Amino acid sequence: MGIGGALGASEAVALLSRTTGEPYQLAGRLSGGETGAHRVLAPGGRPLVVKWDSVPRNRELRAEALTLSERLRTEGGWPVPRQWAIDAGECLFVVQEFMAGAPIELLSHAVVDRILQLHAVRIGLARPGDPDHWPSALLRTLTLGCEGYCRHESLRQHDRRTALLVARIEEFGRSISEADLPGTDIVHWDLHPGNLLGDEGGLTAIVDTDFAVVGDAAFDLMMLALASLAVPCAPGVRTRLFTEAFDDLGELPAQAYLAHLFVRLLDWPIRRGRSDEIQFWLDRAEGMLTV
């Protein structure tokens, strides 16, 4: 559940070619993401998407996510790409098939219908032997923050309002336990419109399952509901998403998921100096968090 990959794109693709003994060509960076995914041409000109990571813990999590993503695809019928790992020693490559469609710019009822269908079939899709990082990882983002994302220090240093907010979240995080956050589903972990691809009003693919985990699938619905506040939506879509996300969710997990998401949504623009985005999410955090 983090971000990594110190190699530049050209250097990484050259390493991929050396490791596999096959010529890969860099075709450009894909739009819509903050952390980087690149389109490459495999031998014969087949388009693929390549990501890489040199952070040891991230490499472990990405490898685990590959298994969960494939289960979403084969058992849950999710339109996620086939993907596989290539270990280059100093970094792990995750290679994915290139999926048709463009990032969805309008959340429609048709897209929400499909998302809710897919949501239902991944409930309880975890298995007893799956790694279970969900409760401890989520609590860490509330109490301490993480290295590559959900950094508390950025909120603590930005201004008085963000400092007060992160102090409240830390206190709340210390008051709950792992047992308060059960989950036996497969969670995308970054389900927002930028990771939904569409064509002619429909959903063609869900991408960026890089850090899929075992946990509570309601988390994804809450993230999508929050994200809908910042993107164009058909009439009634936002209300529908918030109803789906909150109606069957207890107050404690709801506040835990909101607290995590607001740290994530504020840390990123603070570190990039996006003042309008900071103000937007801070106003909503102060209005929605009751902890």
Protein backbone atom coordinates (compact mmCIF):
# COMPACT_ATOMS: atom_id res chain seq x y z
CA MET A 1 0.00 0.00 0.00
CA GLY A 2 2.45 2.59 -1.14
CA ILE A 3 4.36 4.10 -3.99
CA GLY A 4 7.74 3.25 -5.37
CA GLY A 5 9.95 3.07 -8.43
CA ALA A 6 13.15 5.12 -8.59
CA LEU A 7 14.21 4.13 -12.12
CA GLY A 8 13.43 6.49 -14.98
CA ALA A 9 11.20 5.14 -17.73
CA SER A 10 13.88 4.69 -20.39
CA GLU A 11 16.24 3.06 -17.91
CA ALA A 12 13.50 0.75 -16.64
CA VAL A 13 12.46 -0.43 -20.11
CA ALA A 14 16.10 -1.07 -20.98
CA LEU A 15 16.43 -3.18 -17.80
CA LEU A 16 13.24 -5.06 -18.70
CA SER A 17 14.68 -5.86 -22.13
CA ARG A 18 17.96 -7.07 -20.67
CA THR A 19 16.20 -9.20 -18.06
CA THR A 20 13.85 -10.92 -20.50
CA GLY A 21 16.22 -11.01 -23.47
CA GLU A 22 13.43 -9.49 -25.59
CA PRO A 23 13.23 -6.00 -27.11
CA TYR A 24 10.67 -3.74 -25.46
CA GLN A 25 10.09 -0.20 -26.69
CA LEU A 26 8.85 2.70 -24.57
CA ALA A 27 5.73 4.21 -26.15
CA GLY A 28 4.91 6.85 -23.52
CA ARG A 29 3.41 7.50 -20.13
CA LEU A 30 -0.29 6.82 -19.63
CA SER A 31 -2.47 9.72 -18.56
CA GLY A 32 -4.76 9.69 -15.56
CA GLY A 33 -2.37 8.45 -12.86
CA GLU A 34 -0.23 10.23 -10.31
CA THR A 35 2.42 7.60 -9.73
CA GLY A 36 3.22 6.41 -13.22
CA ALA A 37 2.28 3.68 -15.65
CA HIS A 38 3.94 3.41 -19.03
CA ARG A 39 2.81 1.94 -22.31
CA VAL A 40 5.42 -0.23 -23.98
CA LEU A 41 5.51 -2.25 -27.16
CA ALA A 42 6.45 -5.89 -26.74
CA PRO A 43 8.12 -7.92 -29.49
CA GLY A 44 5.76 -7.92 -32.47
CA GLY A 45 4.34 -4.53 -31.50
CA ARG A 46 1.84 -5.78 -28.90
CA PRO A 47 0.94 -2.92 -26.52
CA LEU A 48 1.42 -3.56 -22.80
CA VAL A 49 1.41 -1.49 -19.64
CA VAL A 50 4.49 -1.69 -17.42
CA LYS A 51 5.05 -0.54 -13.85
CA TRP A 52 8.07 -1.16 -11.64
CA ASP A 53 9.03 -0.85 -8.00
CA SER A 54 12.33 -1.05 -6.17
CA VAL A 55 10.99 -0.64 -2.60
CA PRO A 56 11.24 -4.08 -0.93
CA ARG A 57 7.95 -3.93 0.98
CA ASN A 58 6.08 -2.57 -2.03
CA ARG A 59 7.43 -5.41 -4.13
CA GLU A 60 5.96 -7.93 -1.70
CA LEU A 61 2.60 -6.18 -1.71
CA ARG A 62 2.52 -5.93 -5.51
CA ALA A 63 3.26 -9.65 -5.82
CA GLU A 64 0.40 -10.44 -3.43
CA ALA A 65 -1.91 -8.09 -5.33
CA LEU A 66 -1.23 -9.98 -8.56
CA THR A 67 -2.87 -13.08 -7.09
CA LEU A 68 -5.86 -11.15 -5.79
CA SER A 69 -6.29 -9.24 -9.04
CA GLU A 70 -6.29 -12.47 -11.03
CA ARG A 71 -8.96 -13.87 -8.71
CA LEU A 72 -11.07 -10.77 -9.31
CA ARG A 73 -10.71 -11.38 -13.04
CA THR A 74 -11.33 -15.12 -13.16
CA GLU A 75 -13.73 -15.71 -10.26
CA GLY A 76 -15.34 -12.30 -9.92
CA GLY A 77 -15.60 -11.47 -13.61
CA TRP A 78 -13.93 -8.11 -13.11
CA PRO A 79 -12.64 -6.44 -16.28
CA VAL A 80 -9.12 -6.10 -14.90
CA PRO A 81 -6.04 -6.74 -17.05
CA ARG A 82 -4.12 -9.97 -17.10
CA GLN A 83 -0.80 -9.22 -15.45
CA TRP A 84 2.40 -10.93 -14.47
CA ALA A 85 5.59 -10.14 -12.57
CA ILE A 86 9.17 -10.10 -13.84
CA ASP A 87 11.86 -9.99 -11.16
CA ALA A 88 14.85 -7.99 -12.34
CA GLY A 89 16.78 -8.27 -9.09
CA GLU A 90 16.90 -4.59 -8.21
CA CYS A 91 13.26 -4.05 -8.98
CA LEU A 92 10.03 -5.88 -9.72
CA PHE A 93 8.23 -5.26 -12.99
CA VAL A 94 4.48 -5.72 -13.23
CA VAL A 95 3.46 -6.18 -16.85
CA GLN A 96 -0.20 -5.85 -17.80
CA GLU A 97 -2.24 -6.26 -20.94
CA PHE A 98 -3.32 -2.95 -22.42
CA MET A 99 -7.05 -2.40 -21.82
CA ALA A 100 -9.36 -0.58 -24.20
CA GLY A 101 -11.10 2.59 -23.19
CA ALA A 102 -10.31 6.00 -21.73
CA PRO A 103 -10.64 7.26 -18.13
CA ILE A 104 -14.31 7.93 -17.43
CA GLU A 105 -15.04 11.66 -17.29
CA LEU A 106 -18.71 11.43 -16.26
CA LEU A 107 -20.01 9.01 -13.66
CA SER A 108 -23.29 7.75 -15.09
CA HIS A 109 -25.94 5.46 -13.63
CA ALA A 110 -24.93 2.80 -16.16
CA VAL A 111 -21.35 2.84 -14.83
CA VAL A 112 -22.57 2.74 -11.23
CA ASP A 113 -24.87 -0.18 -12.07
CA ARG A 114 -21.87 -2.13 -13.37
CA ILE A 115 -19.67 -1.19 -10.42
CA LEU A 116 -22.31 -2.40 -7.97
CA GLN A 117 -22.69 -5.68 -9.87
CA LEU A 118 -18.94 -6.24 -9.67
CA HIS A 119 -18.89 -5.16 -6.03
CA ALA A 120 -21.41 -7.86 -5.12
CA VAL A 121 -19.44 -10.74 -6.64
CA ARG A 122 -16.20 -9.96 -4.79
CA ILE A 123 -17.82 -10.10 -1.35
CA GLY A 124 -16.23 -12.94 0.64
CA LEU A 125 -13.78 -13.72 -2.16
CA ALA A 126 -10.83 -13.90 0.25
CA ARG A 127 -9.42 -17.30 1.22
CA PRO A 128 -8.05 -18.50 4.57
CA GLY A 129 -4.45 -18.53 3.31
CA ASP A 130 -4.49 -14.99 1.90
CA PRO A 131 -2.19 -12.40 3.50
CA ASP A 132 -4.22 -10.26 5.90
CA HIS A 133 -2.61 -6.82 6.18
CA TRP A 134 -5.87 -4.90 6.16
CA PRO A 135 -6.48 -3.97 9.81
CA SER A 136 -2.87 -3.21 10.74
CA ALA A 137 -2.14 -1.29 7.53
CA LEU A 138 -5.27 0.80 7.82
CA LEU A 139 -4.61 1.60 11.47
CA ARG A 140 -1.06 2.60 10.64
CA THR A 141 -2.33 5.19 8.15
CA LEU A 142 -4.46 6.67 10.94
CA THR A 143 -1.92 6.67 13.76
CA LEU A 144 1.47 7.11 12.08
CA GLY A 145 1.09 7.54 8.34
CA CYS A 146 3.20 5.83 5.69
CA GLU A 147 6.33 6.49 3.69
CA GLY A 148 5.05 7.13 0.18
CA TYR A 149 1.49 8.24 0.89
CA CYS A 150 -0.84 9.20 3.75
CA ARG A 151 1.99 11.21 5.30
CA HIS A 152 0.95 12.88 8.52
CA GLU A 153 3.89 15.26 8.55
CA SER A 154 2.61 17.16 5.52
CA LEU A 155 -0.73 17.82 7.25
CA ARG A 156 0.98 18.66 10.54
CA GLN A 157 3.16 21.30 8.89
CA HIS A 158 0.76 22.80 6.34
CA ASP A 159 -1.42 25.01 8.52
CA ARG A 160 -3.38 25.06 11.76
CA ARG A 161 -6.51 23.45 10.30
CA THR A 162 -4.71 20.48 8.76
CA ALA A 163 -2.61 20.05 11.92
CA LEU A 164 -5.75 19.91 14.08
CA LEU A 165 -7.36 17.48 11.68
CA VAL A 166 -4.48 15.01 11.66
CA ALA A 167 -4.21 15.22 15.46
CA ARG A 168 -7.90 14.24 15.72
CA ILE A 169 -7.36 11.36 13.30
CA GLU A 170 -4.33 10.08 15.22
CA GLU A 171 -6.25 10.15 18.51
CA PHE A 172 -9.15 8.29 16.91
CA GLY A 173 -6.79 5.71 15.40
CA ARG A 174 -5.28 4.98 18.81
CA SER A 175 -8.75 4.41 20.26
CA ILE A 176 -9.67 1.51 17.96
CA SER A 177 -8.24 -1.97 17.42
CA GLU A 178 -7.67 -4.32 14.52
CA ALA A 179 -10.70 -6.33 15.62
CA ASP A 180 -12.88 -3.30 14.83
CA LEU A 181 -11.95 -3.53 11.13
CA PRO A 182 -12.74 -7.03 9.82
CA GLY A 183 -12.76 -7.89 6.15
CA THR A 184 -13.01 -11.01 3.98
CA ASP A 185 -13.41 -9.37 0.56
CA ILE A 186 -10.95 -8.32 -2.11
CA VAL A 187 -10.47 -4.55 -2.03
CA HIS A 188 -9.21 -2.57 -5.01
CA TRP A 189 -7.83 0.11 -2.61
CA ASP A 190 -7.76 2.93 -5.18
CA LEU A 191 -11.20 2.85 -6.82
CA HIS A 192 -11.73 6.29 -8.32
CA PRO A 193 -12.88 7.45 -11.78
CA GLY A 194 -9.30 7.78 -13.05
CA ASN A 195 -8.98 4.00 -12.71
CA LEU A 196 -12.25 3.29 -14.51
CA LEU A 197 -12.01 3.02 -18.29
CA GLY A 198 -15.03 3.41 -20.49
CA ASP A 199 -16.26 3.59 -24.05
CA GLU A 200 -19.61 4.86 -25.36
CA GLY A 201 -20.95 5.35 -21.85
CA GLY A 202 -20.10 1.88 -20.55
CA LEU A 203 -17.39 0.47 -18.31
CA THR A 204 -14.70 -1.41 -20.24
CA ALA A 205 -12.01 -1.93 -17.62
CA ILE A 206 -10.92 -1.34 -14.05
CA VAL A 207 -7.20 -0.75 -13.77
CA ASP A 208 -4.52 -0.05 -11.16
CA THR A 209 -5.12 -3.04 -8.89
CA ASP A 210 -1.44 -2.72 -7.89
CA PHE A 211 -2.16 -2.84 -4.16
CA ALA A 212 -5.33 -4.91 -4.01
CA VAL A 213 -5.76 -6.37 -0.52
CA VAL A 214 -8.02 -8.57 1.54
CA GLY A 215 -10.33 -6.33 3.53
CA ASP A 216 -13.76 -4.71 3.56
CA ALA A 217 -15.12 -3.99 0.08
CA ALA A 218 -17.22 -1.15 1.48
CA PHE A 219 -13.99 0.85 1.58
CA ASP A 220 -13.94 0.98 -2.23
CA LEU A 221 -17.53 2.24 -2.38
CA MET A 222 -16.70 4.98 0.08
CA MET A 223 -13.67 6.03 -1.94
CA LEU A 224 -15.72 6.18 -5.13
CA ALA A 225 -18.42 8.17 -3.35
CA LEU A 226 -15.88 10.71 -2.11
CA ALA A 227 -14.23 10.89 -5.52
CA SER A 228 -17.61 11.64 -7.08
CA LEU A 229 -17.59 15.00 -5.26
CA ALA A 230 -14.75 16.15 -7.50
CA VAL A 231 -15.89 14.86 -10.90
CA PRO A 232 -18.93 15.40 -13.14
CA CYS A 233 -21.81 13.04 -12.34
CA ALA A 234 -25.21 12.36 -13.84
CA PRO A 235 -28.10 13.66 -11.69
CA GLY A 236 -28.60 11.44 -8.66
CA VAL A 237 -25.33 9.52 -8.97
CA ARG A 238 -23.59 11.13 -6.00
CA THR A 239 -26.58 10.55 -3.72
CA ARG A 240 -26.76 6.96 -4.89
CA LEU A 241 -23.06 6.32 -4.28
CA PHE A 242 -23.14 7.80 -0.78
CA THR A 243 -26.23 5.75 0.06
CA GLU A 244 -24.58 2.54 -1.14
CA ALA A 245 -21.36 3.35 0.73
CA PHE A 246 -22.84 4.36 4.09
CA ASP A 247 -26.24 2.76 4.64
CA ASP A 248 -25.05 -0.70 5.72
CA LEU A 249 -21.76 0.41 7.26
CA GLY A 250 -21.30 0.91 11.00
CA GLU A 251 -20.23 4.28 12.33
CA LEU A 252 -16.78 3.15 13.49
CA PRO A 253 -15.55 1.62 10.21
CA ALA A 254 -17.18 4.47 8.29
CA GLN A 255 -15.20 7.03 10.28
CA ALA A 256 -12.00 4.95 9.99
CA TYR A 257 -12.30 4.76 6.20
CA LEU A 258 -13.14 8.45 5.92
CA ALA A 259 -10.20 9.38 8.14
CA HIS A 260 -7.82 7.34 6.01
CA LEU A 261 -9.17 8.76 2.77
CA PHE A 262 -9.00 12.37 3.92
CA VAL A 263 -5.37 11.95 5.01
CA ARG A 264 -4.64 10.46 1.58
CA LEU A 265 -6.61 13.15 -0.28
CA LEU A 266 -4.91 15.99 1.62
CA ASP A 267 -1.34 14.71 1.81
CA TRP A 268 -0.93 14.45 -1.96
CA PRO A 269 -1.98 18.02 -2.92
CA ILE A 270 -0.17 19.52 0.07
CA ARG A 271 3.11 18.04 -1.16
CA ARG A 272 2.41 19.36 -4.63
CA GLY A 273 1.19 22.82 -3.65
CA ARG A 274 -2.34 22.45 -5.04
CA SER A 275 -4.09 25.00 -2.85
CA ASP A 276 -7.59 24.73 -4.37
CA GLU A 277 -7.56 20.95 -3.98
CA ILE A 278 -6.37 21.24 -0.36
CA GLN A 279 -9.18 23.66 0.48
CA PHE A 280 -11.77 21.46 -1.25
CA TRP A 281 -10.92 18.31 0.69
CA LEU A 282 -10.25 20.06 3.98
CA ASP A 283 -13.72 21.62 3.95
CA ARG A 284 -15.27 18.21 3.35
CA ALA A 285 -13.14 16.49 5.96
CA GLU A 286 -14.21 18.98 8.61
CA GLY A 287 -17.83 18.48 7.61
CA MET A 288 -17.88 14.68 7.46
CA LEU A 289 -15.48 13.50 10.17
CA THR A 290 -17.08 13.27 13.60
CA VAL A 291 -14.09 11.76 15.43
